[in-house]
Structures are given as structure tokens and as C-alpha cells.
């Protein structure tokens, strides 16, 4: 082999190494993908949808009510959950006759796929640095209403969902 061919091979190897390292670093520190295994967030996120999550979302700001986030399940941190933030620090959350109240005011939620079955919950106060999570499919969501550990602390939030895309396995 000539010197020029060896240089060309080495340059291609370097391109692949740099591309691999960039992909690894972006996946490790910037974004990651989750596949939604259940219908707890339907119709916002469907079973089998894949969601791209930004790890840096809360680097300079706090999570907000309505954000959809990924976090380890508080009762078993080996499992990641994806839910919507309903209560932020200092809020009081209550459900009366199937209506969600935040700080004694009824909270309008246009993203729900069906009205909540009449149930009562709370009132419960959200502690500092903690968040109260619920799924959008309220009648079929194992969320903070039933968890032993009701809150997710800010340091446990892995990232904010930024967009979803469907399962394209039917193309195979």
C-alpha cells in the first residue's frame, strides 16, 4: 500500500471514532430516548411511541407544571417513568369528585383523554424541591396518587420530553 492510501484509511477511521465519541457524549449528557411501555400518558403519548428527552432542560430553570418528564419510579428506582408534572413545590393537590384542584382552584386540563372517574385524593402538600406527577390517562395510570413515595425530587428528574415519534416497526 502506498502512503496516500494509508493516510486515507486512517482519516476514515478517525472520522468514525470522532462520530462514535460525539454520539456517545450526546446520548450520555444531552439527550436520550425512551420507549413508552404503557398507556398511562395516552392520548398525549401512545404505547410504543418513542420520546426524545433533553437532559439539559433544567440546567438553568426549574421544572414547570405541565412539563412531561422522565424520572426513576420513586418506589423502585430501577424503572424509569414518564409522567406530567402536576404539582410544583408549595402546591396543594386535591381531587374531589374526579376534579383536580391545585391550591383550592379547579385546574383545567385539555390534554386528558377522558374525565377522571369520580375519586377523591388528598389534599397533599408538595414539599420543597419535589414534584407531584400524574399520567394523562388518569383512569389507567399508576401515578403519584398510588405510589408509596408520592413525590419526585428535582435531582431525580432525568430530563424533559421534547418530542415523540411513533414505532416504525411495521416497516420491517
N, C-alpha and C. Protein backbone atom coordinates (compact mmCIF):
# COMPACT_ATOMS: atom_id res chain seq x y z
N UNK A 1 0.84 -1.19 0.00
CA UNK A 1 0.00 0.00 0.00
C UNK A 1 0.88 1.24 0.00
N UNK A 2 0.36 2.24 -0.65
CA UNK A 2 1.11 3.48 -0.71
C UNK A 2 0.79 4.32 0.53
N UNK A 3 1.64 5.29 0.73
CA UNK A 3 1.50 6.19 1.88
C UNK A 3 0.16 6.95 1.81
N UNK A 4 -0.27 7.34 0.61
CA UNK A 4 -1.53 8.07 0.44
C UNK A 4 -2.74 7.23 0.81
N UNK A 5 -2.74 5.93 0.48
CA UNK A 5 -3.85 5.02 0.82
C UNK A 5 -3.92 4.84 2.33
N UNK A 6 -2.80 4.68 2.99
CA UNK A 6 -2.76 4.51 4.44
C UNK A 6 -3.30 5.77 5.13
N UNK A 7 -2.90 6.94 4.64
CA UNK A 7 -3.42 8.20 5.21
C UNK A 7 -4.94 8.29 5.04
N UNK A 8 -5.43 7.87 3.88
CA UNK A 8 -6.88 7.90 3.62
C UNK A 8 -7.62 6.97 4.58
N UNK A 9 -7.11 5.76 4.78
CA UNK A 9 -7.73 4.79 5.70
C UNK A 9 -7.74 5.35 7.12
N UNK A 10 -6.62 5.91 7.54
CA UNK A 10 -6.52 6.48 8.89
C UNK A 10 -7.50 7.65 9.04
N UNK A 11 -7.65 8.48 8.01
CA UNK A 11 -8.58 9.60 8.11
C UNK A 11 -10.02 9.11 8.25
N UNK A 12 -10.39 8.03 7.54
CA UNK A 12 -11.73 7.47 7.68
C UNK A 12 -11.94 6.85 9.05
N UNK A 13 -10.94 6.18 9.57
CA UNK A 13 -11.04 5.61 10.92
C UNK A 13 -11.25 6.73 11.93
N UNK A 14 -10.52 7.83 11.77
CA UNK A 14 -10.66 8.97 12.69
C UNK A 14 -12.07 9.56 12.62
N UNK A 15 -12.63 9.66 11.41
CA UNK A 15 -13.99 10.17 11.26
C UNK A 15 -14.97 9.30 12.04
N UNK A 16 -14.85 7.98 11.90
CA UNK A 16 -15.75 7.07 12.62
C UNK A 16 -15.55 7.14 14.13
N UNK A 17 -14.33 7.25 14.58
CA UNK A 17 -14.05 7.35 16.02
C UNK A 17 -14.66 8.64 16.59
N UNK A 18 -14.44 9.75 15.90
CA UNK A 18 -14.99 11.03 16.36
C UNK A 18 -16.52 10.97 16.36
N UNK A 19 -17.10 10.41 15.30
CA UNK A 19 -18.57 10.31 15.23
C UNK A 19 -19.10 9.45 16.37
N UNK A 20 -18.45 8.34 16.65
CA UNK A 20 -18.86 7.47 17.75
C UNK A 20 -18.77 8.20 19.10
N UNK A 21 -17.66 8.89 19.32
CA UNK A 21 -17.49 9.62 20.58
C UNK A 21 -18.53 10.73 20.73
N UNK A 22 -18.81 11.46 19.67
CA UNK A 22 -19.83 12.51 19.73
C UNK A 22 -21.20 11.92 20.02
N UNK A 23 -21.55 10.83 19.35
CA UNK A 23 -22.84 10.19 19.60
C UNK A 23 -22.93 9.72 21.04
N UNK A 24 -21.86 9.13 21.55
CA UNK A 24 -21.83 8.66 22.94
C UNK A 24 -22.01 9.82 23.92
N UNK A 25 -21.28 10.91 23.72
CA UNK A 25 -21.35 12.05 24.62
C UNK A 25 -22.72 12.73 24.56
N UNK A 26 -23.28 12.88 23.37
CA UNK A 26 -24.60 13.49 23.24
C UNK A 26 -25.64 12.64 23.94
N UNK A 27 -25.58 11.31 23.73
CA UNK A 27 -26.54 10.41 24.37
C UNK A 27 -26.37 10.38 25.89
N UNK A 28 -25.16 10.49 26.35
CA UNK A 28 -24.89 10.40 27.78
C UNK A 28 -25.22 11.70 28.54
N UNK A 29 -24.99 12.86 27.88
CA UNK A 29 -25.09 14.12 28.61
C UNK A 29 -26.12 15.11 28.06
N UNK A 30 -26.65 14.90 26.86
CA UNK A 30 -27.53 15.91 26.27
C UNK A 30 -28.94 15.36 26.07
N UNK A 31 -29.11 14.32 25.29
CA UNK A 31 -30.42 13.75 25.00
C UNK A 31 -30.39 12.25 25.19
N UNK A 32 -31.58 11.68 25.41
CA UNK A 32 -31.72 10.23 25.40
C UNK A 32 -33.13 9.90 24.95
N UNK A 33 -33.32 8.65 24.56
CA UNK A 33 -34.60 8.21 24.04
C UNK A 33 -35.21 7.19 24.99
N UNK A 34 -36.53 7.26 25.18
CA UNK A 34 -37.25 6.26 25.94
C UNK A 34 -38.39 5.73 25.10
N UNK A 35 -38.73 4.48 25.30
CA UNK A 35 -39.90 3.90 24.65
C UNK A 35 -40.97 3.76 25.71
N UNK A 36 -42.17 4.22 25.40
CA UNK A 36 -43.26 4.24 26.37
C UNK A 36 -43.93 2.85 26.37
N UNK A 37 -43.88 2.14 27.52
CA UNK A 37 -44.37 0.77 27.56
C UNK A 37 -45.85 0.63 27.91
N UNK A 38 -46.48 1.73 28.36
CA UNK A 38 -47.87 1.60 28.83
C UNK A 38 -48.72 2.75 28.31
N UNK A 39 -50.00 2.66 28.57
CA UNK A 39 -50.93 3.67 28.11
C UNK A 39 -51.21 4.76 29.12
N UNK A 40 -50.35 4.93 30.11
CA UNK A 40 -50.64 5.89 31.18
C UNK A 40 -50.60 7.35 30.72
N UNK A 41 -50.00 7.63 29.57
CA UNK A 41 -49.93 9.00 29.07
C UNK A 41 -50.79 9.21 27.83
N UNK A 42 -51.61 8.21 27.47
CA UNK A 42 -52.45 8.36 26.27
C UNK A 42 -53.49 9.44 26.49
N UNK A 43 -53.83 10.19 25.56
CA UNK A 43 -53.54 10.23 24.15
C UNK A 43 -52.37 11.14 23.81
N UNK A 44 -51.72 11.70 24.79
CA UNK A 44 -50.57 12.57 24.54
C UNK A 44 -49.41 11.76 23.97
N UNK A 45 -49.07 10.66 24.63
CA UNK A 45 -48.02 9.76 24.17
C UNK A 45 -48.62 8.35 24.17
N UNK A 46 -48.58 7.71 23.02
CA UNK A 46 -49.21 6.40 22.87
C UNK A 46 -48.25 5.28 23.25
N UNK A 47 -48.80 4.13 23.63
CA UNK A 47 -48.00 2.95 23.93
C UNK A 47 -47.12 2.64 22.72
N UNK A 48 -45.83 2.45 22.96
CA UNK A 48 -44.90 2.14 21.88
C UNK A 48 -44.24 3.35 21.25
N UNK A 49 -44.77 4.56 21.52
CA UNK A 49 -44.10 5.76 21.00
C UNK A 49 -42.72 5.87 21.62
N UNK A 50 -41.85 6.49 20.89
CA UNK A 50 -40.52 6.78 21.40
C UNK A 50 -40.45 8.29 21.66
N UNK A 51 -39.83 8.64 22.76
CA UNK A 51 -39.77 10.05 23.18
C UNK A 51 -38.31 10.45 23.33
N UNK A 52 -37.95 11.56 22.71
CA UNK A 52 -36.61 12.11 22.88
C UNK A 52 -36.68 13.09 24.04
N UNK A 53 -35.75 12.91 24.97
CA UNK A 53 -35.74 13.67 26.21
C UNK A 53 -34.45 14.47 26.31
N UNK A 54 -34.58 15.74 26.67
CA UNK A 54 -33.42 16.62 26.81
C UNK A 54 -32.96 16.64 28.26
N UNK A 55 -31.76 16.18 28.48
CA UNK A 55 -31.20 16.14 29.84
C UNK A 55 -30.89 17.54 30.38
N UNK A 56 -30.62 18.50 29.52
CA UNK A 56 -30.18 19.83 29.94
C UNK A 56 -31.33 20.80 30.19
N UNK A 57 -32.57 20.33 30.08
CA UNK A 57 -33.73 21.22 30.18
C UNK A 57 -33.76 22.04 31.47
N UNK A 58 -33.32 21.45 32.55
CA UNK A 58 -33.46 22.13 33.84
C UNK A 58 -32.11 22.57 34.40
N UNK A 59 -31.17 22.78 33.50
CA UNK A 59 -29.86 23.26 33.92
C UNK A 59 -29.95 24.70 34.43
N UNK A 60 -30.79 25.52 33.77
CA UNK A 60 -30.88 26.94 34.13
C UNK A 60 -32.28 27.37 34.58
N UNK A 61 -33.22 26.43 34.63
CA UNK A 61 -34.57 26.77 35.08
C UNK A 61 -35.18 25.57 35.80
N UNK A 62 -36.21 25.83 36.56
CA UNK A 62 -36.88 24.77 37.30
C UNK A 62 -37.96 24.12 36.44
N UNK A 63 -38.28 22.87 36.72
CA UNK A 63 -39.40 22.23 36.03
C UNK A 63 -40.69 23.01 36.29
N UNK A 64 -41.58 22.97 35.30
CA UNK A 64 -42.84 23.71 35.40
C UNK A 64 -44.03 22.76 35.33
N UNK A 65 -45.12 23.20 35.92
CA UNK A 65 -46.36 22.44 35.83
C UNK A 65 -46.71 22.21 34.35
N UNK A 66 -47.04 21.00 34.02
CA UNK A 66 -47.39 20.67 32.64
C UNK A 66 -46.25 20.02 31.87
N UNK A 67 -45.01 20.17 32.33
CA UNK A 67 -43.89 19.51 31.66
C UNK A 67 -44.04 18.00 31.75
N UNK A 68 -43.66 17.31 30.70
CA UNK A 68 -43.62 15.85 30.71
C UNK A 68 -42.16 15.46 30.90
N UNK A 69 -41.89 14.67 31.95
CA UNK A 69 -40.52 14.38 32.33
C UNK A 69 -40.30 12.88 32.53
N UNK A 70 -39.03 12.49 32.46
CA UNK A 70 -38.61 11.12 32.73
C UNK A 70 -37.86 11.12 34.05
N UNK A 71 -38.13 10.12 34.88
CA UNK A 71 -37.53 10.03 36.21
C UNK A 71 -37.59 8.58 36.67
N UNK A 72 -36.73 8.19 37.63
CA UNK A 72 -36.83 6.85 38.19
C UNK A 72 -38.08 6.76 39.08
N UNK A 73 -38.81 5.68 38.93
CA UNK A 73 -40.00 5.44 39.74
C UNK A 73 -39.61 5.50 41.22
N UNK A 74 -40.24 6.38 42.01
CA UNK A 74 -39.82 6.57 43.40
C UNK A 74 -39.86 5.31 44.27
N UNK A 75 -40.71 4.34 43.93
CA UNK A 75 -40.80 3.13 44.73
C UNK A 75 -39.88 2.01 44.23
N UNK A 76 -39.25 2.19 43.06
CA UNK A 76 -38.30 1.23 42.51
C UNK A 76 -37.46 1.96 41.47
N UNK A 77 -36.34 2.49 41.89
CA UNK A 77 -35.55 3.36 41.02
C UNK A 77 -34.86 2.64 39.87
N UNK A 78 -35.05 1.34 39.74
CA UNK A 78 -34.52 0.60 38.59
C UNK A 78 -35.39 0.79 37.35
N UNK A 79 -36.57 1.36 37.53
CA UNK A 79 -37.54 1.53 36.44
C UNK A 79 -37.75 3.02 36.19
N UNK A 80 -37.66 3.44 34.92
CA UNK A 80 -37.94 4.84 34.59
C UNK A 80 -39.41 5.01 34.24
N UNK A 81 -39.98 6.14 34.67
CA UNK A 81 -41.36 6.51 34.37
C UNK A 81 -41.35 7.80 33.57
N UNK A 82 -42.41 8.01 32.82
CA UNK A 82 -42.63 9.27 32.12
C UNK A 82 -44.03 9.74 32.50
N UNK A 83 -44.11 10.92 33.08
CA UNK A 83 -45.39 11.47 33.55
C UNK A 83 -45.36 12.99 33.40
N UNK A 84 -46.50 13.60 33.65
CA UNK A 84 -46.65 15.05 33.59
C UNK A 84 -46.54 15.63 35.00
N UNK A 85 -45.83 16.75 35.12
CA UNK A 85 -45.74 17.44 36.40
C UNK A 85 -47.08 18.15 36.64
N UNK A 86 -47.71 17.81 37.75
CA UNK A 86 -48.98 18.43 38.14
C UNK A 86 -48.77 19.39 39.30
N UNK A 87 -48.00 18.97 40.28
CA UNK A 87 -47.75 19.82 41.45
C UNK A 87 -46.30 20.22 41.54
N UNK A 88 -46.07 21.50 41.78
CA UNK A 88 -44.72 22.04 41.96
C UNK A 88 -44.54 22.39 43.44
N UNK A 89 -43.31 22.66 43.88
CA UNK A 89 -43.08 22.94 45.29
C UNK A 89 -44.01 24.03 45.83
N UNK A 90 -44.62 23.72 46.98
CA UNK A 90 -45.53 24.66 47.63
C UNK A 90 -46.99 24.48 47.26
N UNK A 91 -47.29 23.71 46.22
CA UNK A 91 -48.67 23.47 45.82
C UNK A 91 -49.38 22.53 46.79
N UNK A 92 -50.69 22.66 46.83
CA UNK A 92 -51.55 21.68 47.50
C UNK A 92 -52.40 21.03 46.41
N UNK A 93 -52.32 19.71 46.34
CA UNK A 93 -53.02 18.94 45.31
C UNK A 93 -54.18 18.21 45.97
N UNK A 94 -55.34 18.25 45.30
CA UNK A 94 -56.51 17.55 45.80
C UNK A 94 -57.39 17.16 44.62
N UNK A 95 -58.03 16.01 44.73
CA UNK A 95 -59.02 15.59 43.75
C UNK A 95 -60.32 15.36 44.50
N UNK A 96 -61.37 16.05 44.04
CA UNK A 96 -62.70 15.89 44.64
C UNK A 96 -63.68 15.57 43.53
N UNK A 97 -64.36 14.44 43.68
CA UNK A 97 -65.36 14.01 42.70
C UNK A 97 -64.82 14.03 41.27
N UNK A 98 -63.56 13.59 41.13
CA UNK A 98 -62.95 13.48 39.80
C UNK A 98 -62.43 14.78 39.23
N UNK A 99 -62.41 15.85 40.01
CA UNK A 99 -61.91 17.14 39.54
C UNK A 99 -60.61 17.46 40.29
N UNK A 100 -59.57 17.81 39.53
CA UNK A 100 -58.28 18.16 40.11
C UNK A 100 -58.30 19.61 40.58
N UNK A 101 -57.87 19.81 41.82
CA UNK A 101 -57.74 21.14 42.39
C UNK A 101 -56.27 21.37 42.73
N UNK A 102 -55.75 22.50 42.32
CA UNK A 102 -54.40 22.91 42.70
C UNK A 102 -54.54 24.20 43.48
N UNK A 103 -54.11 24.17 44.72
CA UNK A 103 -54.23 25.33 45.62
C UNK A 103 -55.67 25.82 45.70
N UNK A 104 -56.58 24.85 45.86
CA UNK A 104 -58.01 25.11 46.06
C UNK A 104 -58.75 25.57 44.79
N UNK A 105 -58.06 25.69 43.67
CA UNK A 105 -58.68 26.12 42.41
C UNK A 105 -58.80 24.94 41.46
N UNK A 106 -59.96 24.75 40.79
CA UNK A 106 -60.06 23.69 39.80
C UNK A 106 -59.05 23.94 38.68
N UNK A 107 -58.40 22.88 38.24
CA UNK A 107 -57.35 23.00 37.23
C UNK A 107 -57.84 22.41 35.92
N UNK A 108 -57.89 23.22 34.89
CA UNK A 108 -58.35 22.81 33.56
C UNK A 108 -57.24 22.05 32.84
N UNK A 109 -57.58 20.86 32.34
CA UNK A 109 -56.60 20.03 31.64
C UNK A 109 -57.18 19.57 30.31
N UNK A 110 -56.80 20.23 29.23
CA UNK A 110 -57.35 19.90 27.92
C UNK A 110 -56.68 18.70 27.27
N UNK A 111 -55.63 18.17 27.87
CA UNK A 111 -54.90 17.04 27.29
C UNK A 111 -55.41 15.68 27.77
N UNK A 112 -56.34 15.64 28.71
CA UNK A 112 -56.84 14.36 29.21
C UNK A 112 -57.66 13.65 28.15
N UNK A 113 -57.53 12.31 28.09
CA UNK A 113 -58.28 11.57 27.08
C UNK A 113 -59.71 11.26 27.53
N UNK A 114 -59.97 11.40 28.83
CA UNK A 114 -61.32 11.17 29.37
C UNK A 114 -61.38 11.83 30.74
N UNK A 115 -62.58 12.22 31.17
CA UNK A 115 -62.69 12.77 32.53
C UNK A 115 -62.30 11.70 33.56
N UNK A 116 -61.77 12.16 34.68
CA UNK A 116 -61.42 11.23 35.75
C UNK A 116 -62.67 10.60 36.32
N UNK A 117 -62.58 9.30 36.60
CA UNK A 117 -63.66 8.64 37.32
C UNK A 117 -63.74 9.32 38.68
N UNK A 118 -64.95 9.51 39.15
CA UNK A 118 -65.09 10.22 40.43
C UNK A 118 -64.27 9.53 41.51
N UNK A 119 -63.27 10.24 41.96
CA UNK A 119 -62.44 9.75 43.05
C UNK A 119 -62.00 10.94 43.87
N UNK A 120 -61.64 10.65 45.11
CA UNK A 120 -61.13 11.69 45.98
C UNK A 120 -59.70 11.35 46.35
N UNK A 121 -58.86 12.37 46.44
CA UNK A 121 -57.46 12.20 46.81
C UNK A 121 -57.02 13.48 47.49
N UNK A 122 -56.22 13.33 48.55
CA UNK A 122 -55.64 14.49 49.20
C UNK A 122 -56.59 15.15 50.17
N UNK A 123 -56.29 16.37 50.52
CA UNK A 123 -55.23 17.23 49.99
C UNK A 123 -53.84 16.80 50.46
N UNK A 124 -52.87 17.09 49.61
CA UNK A 124 -51.48 16.77 49.91
C UNK A 124 -50.61 17.94 49.47
N UNK A 125 -49.68 18.34 50.33
CA UNK A 125 -48.79 19.48 50.05
C UNK A 125 -47.50 18.97 49.41
N UNK A 126 -47.08 19.65 48.35
CA UNK A 126 -45.84 19.28 47.65
C UNK A 126 -44.67 19.97 48.36
N UNK A 127 -43.71 19.16 48.86
CA UNK A 127 -42.57 19.75 49.59
C UNK A 127 -41.61 20.51 48.66
N UNK A 128 -40.72 21.28 49.27
CA UNK A 128 -39.68 21.98 48.52
C UNK A 128 -38.84 20.97 47.74
N UNK A 129 -38.36 21.38 46.57
CA UNK A 129 -37.51 20.56 45.69
C UNK A 129 -38.18 19.26 45.25
N UNK A 130 -39.51 19.19 45.29
CA UNK A 130 -40.23 17.99 44.91
C UNK A 130 -41.37 18.32 43.95
N UNK A 131 -41.82 17.27 43.25
CA UNK A 131 -42.87 17.43 42.25
C UNK A 131 -43.85 16.28 42.36
N UNK A 132 -45.10 16.56 42.05
CA UNK A 132 -46.18 15.58 42.08
C UNK A 132 -46.53 15.25 40.63
N UNK A 133 -46.46 13.96 40.27
CA UNK A 133 -46.61 13.52 38.89
C UNK A 133 -47.90 12.73 38.68
N UNK A 134 -48.51 12.94 37.52
CA UNK A 134 -49.68 12.16 37.13
C UNK A 134 -49.61 11.86 35.64
N UNK A 135 -50.20 10.72 35.25
CA UNK A 135 -50.33 10.38 33.85
C UNK A 135 -51.54 11.08 33.25
N UNK A 136 -51.52 11.27 31.93
CA UNK A 136 -52.65 11.93 31.26
C UNK A 136 -53.86 11.02 31.14
N UNK A 137 -53.65 9.72 31.14
CA UNK A 137 -54.74 8.75 31.09
C UNK A 137 -55.09 8.42 32.55
N UNK A 138 -55.72 9.36 33.22
CA UNK A 138 -55.91 9.31 34.68
C UNK A 138 -56.61 8.05 35.17
N UNK A 139 -57.49 7.48 34.37
CA UNK A 139 -58.23 6.30 34.81
C UNK A 139 -57.43 5.02 34.64
N UNK A 140 -56.23 5.12 34.06
CA UNK A 140 -55.39 3.94 33.85
C UNK A 140 -53.92 4.31 34.02
N UNK A 141 -53.62 5.02 35.08
CA UNK A 141 -52.25 5.46 35.32
C UNK A 141 -51.85 5.18 36.76
N UNK A 142 -50.78 4.41 36.92
CA UNK A 142 -50.20 4.20 38.25
C UNK A 142 -49.26 5.38 38.50
N UNK A 143 -49.79 6.43 39.11
CA UNK A 143 -49.00 7.64 39.30
C UNK A 143 -48.92 7.99 40.78
N UNK A 144 -48.56 9.22 41.10
CA UNK A 144 -48.29 9.62 42.48
C UNK A 144 -49.47 9.40 43.42
N UNK A 145 -50.67 9.31 42.87
CA UNK A 145 -51.84 9.06 43.72
C UNK A 145 -51.75 7.71 44.42
N UNK A 146 -51.05 6.75 43.82
CA UNK A 146 -50.99 5.39 44.38
C UNK A 146 -49.59 4.98 44.83
N UNK A 147 -48.58 5.80 44.55
CA UNK A 147 -47.22 5.45 44.95
C UNK A 147 -47.06 5.54 46.47
N UNK A 148 -46.19 4.71 47.00
CA UNK A 148 -45.84 4.80 48.42
C UNK A 148 -45.09 6.13 48.67
N UNK A 149 -44.09 6.41 47.83
CA UNK A 149 -43.35 7.67 47.89
C UNK A 149 -43.98 8.62 46.86
N UNK A 150 -44.73 9.58 47.31
CA UNK A 150 -45.61 10.38 46.45
C UNK A 150 -44.91 11.41 45.58
N UNK A 151 -43.66 11.76 45.88
CA UNK A 151 -43.03 12.88 45.20
C UNK A 151 -41.73 12.47 44.52
N UNK A 152 -41.38 13.24 43.49
CA UNK A 152 -40.12 13.08 42.77
C UNK A 152 -39.30 14.34 43.06
N UNK A 153 -38.10 14.15 43.58
CA UNK A 153 -37.26 15.31 43.87
C UNK A 153 -36.59 15.80 42.58
N UNK A 154 -36.23 17.06 42.57
CA UNK A 154 -35.68 17.67 41.36
C UNK A 154 -34.42 16.96 40.88
N UNK A 155 -33.60 16.46 41.81
CA UNK A 155 -32.36 15.80 41.41
C UNK A 155 -32.60 14.45 40.74
N UNK A 156 -33.81 13.92 40.83
CA UNK A 156 -34.13 12.63 40.20
C UNK A 156 -34.69 12.78 38.78
N UNK A 157 -35.08 13.99 38.41
CA UNK A 157 -35.63 14.20 37.07
C UNK A 157 -34.49 14.09 36.06
N UNK A 158 -34.61 13.13 35.15
CA UNK A 158 -33.56 12.87 34.17
C UNK A 158 -33.63 13.79 32.97
N UNK A 159 -34.82 14.29 32.65
CA UNK A 159 -34.94 15.18 31.51
C UNK A 159 -36.38 15.44 31.15
N UNK A 160 -36.56 16.41 30.26
CA UNK A 160 -37.87 16.82 29.79
C UNK A 160 -38.11 16.25 28.39
N UNK A 161 -39.29 15.68 28.19
CA UNK A 161 -39.66 15.17 26.88
C UNK A 161 -39.78 16.36 25.92
N UNK A 162 -39.09 16.28 24.77
CA UNK A 162 -39.14 17.39 23.83
C UNK A 162 -39.90 17.04 22.55
N UNK A 163 -39.88 15.78 22.14
CA UNK A 163 -40.74 15.36 21.04
C UNK A 163 -40.85 13.85 21.02
N UNK A 164 -41.91 13.39 20.35
CA UNK A 164 -42.15 11.95 20.25
C UNK A 164 -42.19 11.56 18.79
N UNK A 165 -41.93 10.28 18.57
CA UNK A 165 -42.10 9.74 17.23
C UNK A 165 -42.64 8.33 17.38
N UNK A 166 -43.43 7.87 16.42
CA UNK A 166 -44.09 6.57 16.56
C UNK A 166 -43.14 5.40 16.34
N UNK A 167 -43.62 4.23 16.69
CA UNK A 167 -42.89 2.99 16.47
C UNK A 167 -43.03 2.64 14.99
N UNK A 168 -41.92 2.63 14.28
CA UNK A 168 -41.95 2.31 12.85
C UNK A 168 -41.63 0.85 12.57
N UNK A 169 -41.86 -0.03 13.54
CA UNK A 169 -41.52 -1.45 13.36
C UNK A 169 -42.34 -2.10 12.25
N UNK A 170 -43.48 -1.54 11.91
CA UNK A 170 -44.30 -2.09 10.84
C UNK A 170 -43.61 -1.98 9.48
N UNK A 171 -42.56 -1.15 9.39
CA UNK A 171 -41.81 -1.03 8.14
C UNK A 171 -40.94 -2.25 7.88
N UNK A 172 -40.63 -3.00 8.90
CA UNK A 172 -39.75 -4.18 8.74
C UNK A 172 -40.43 -5.29 8.00
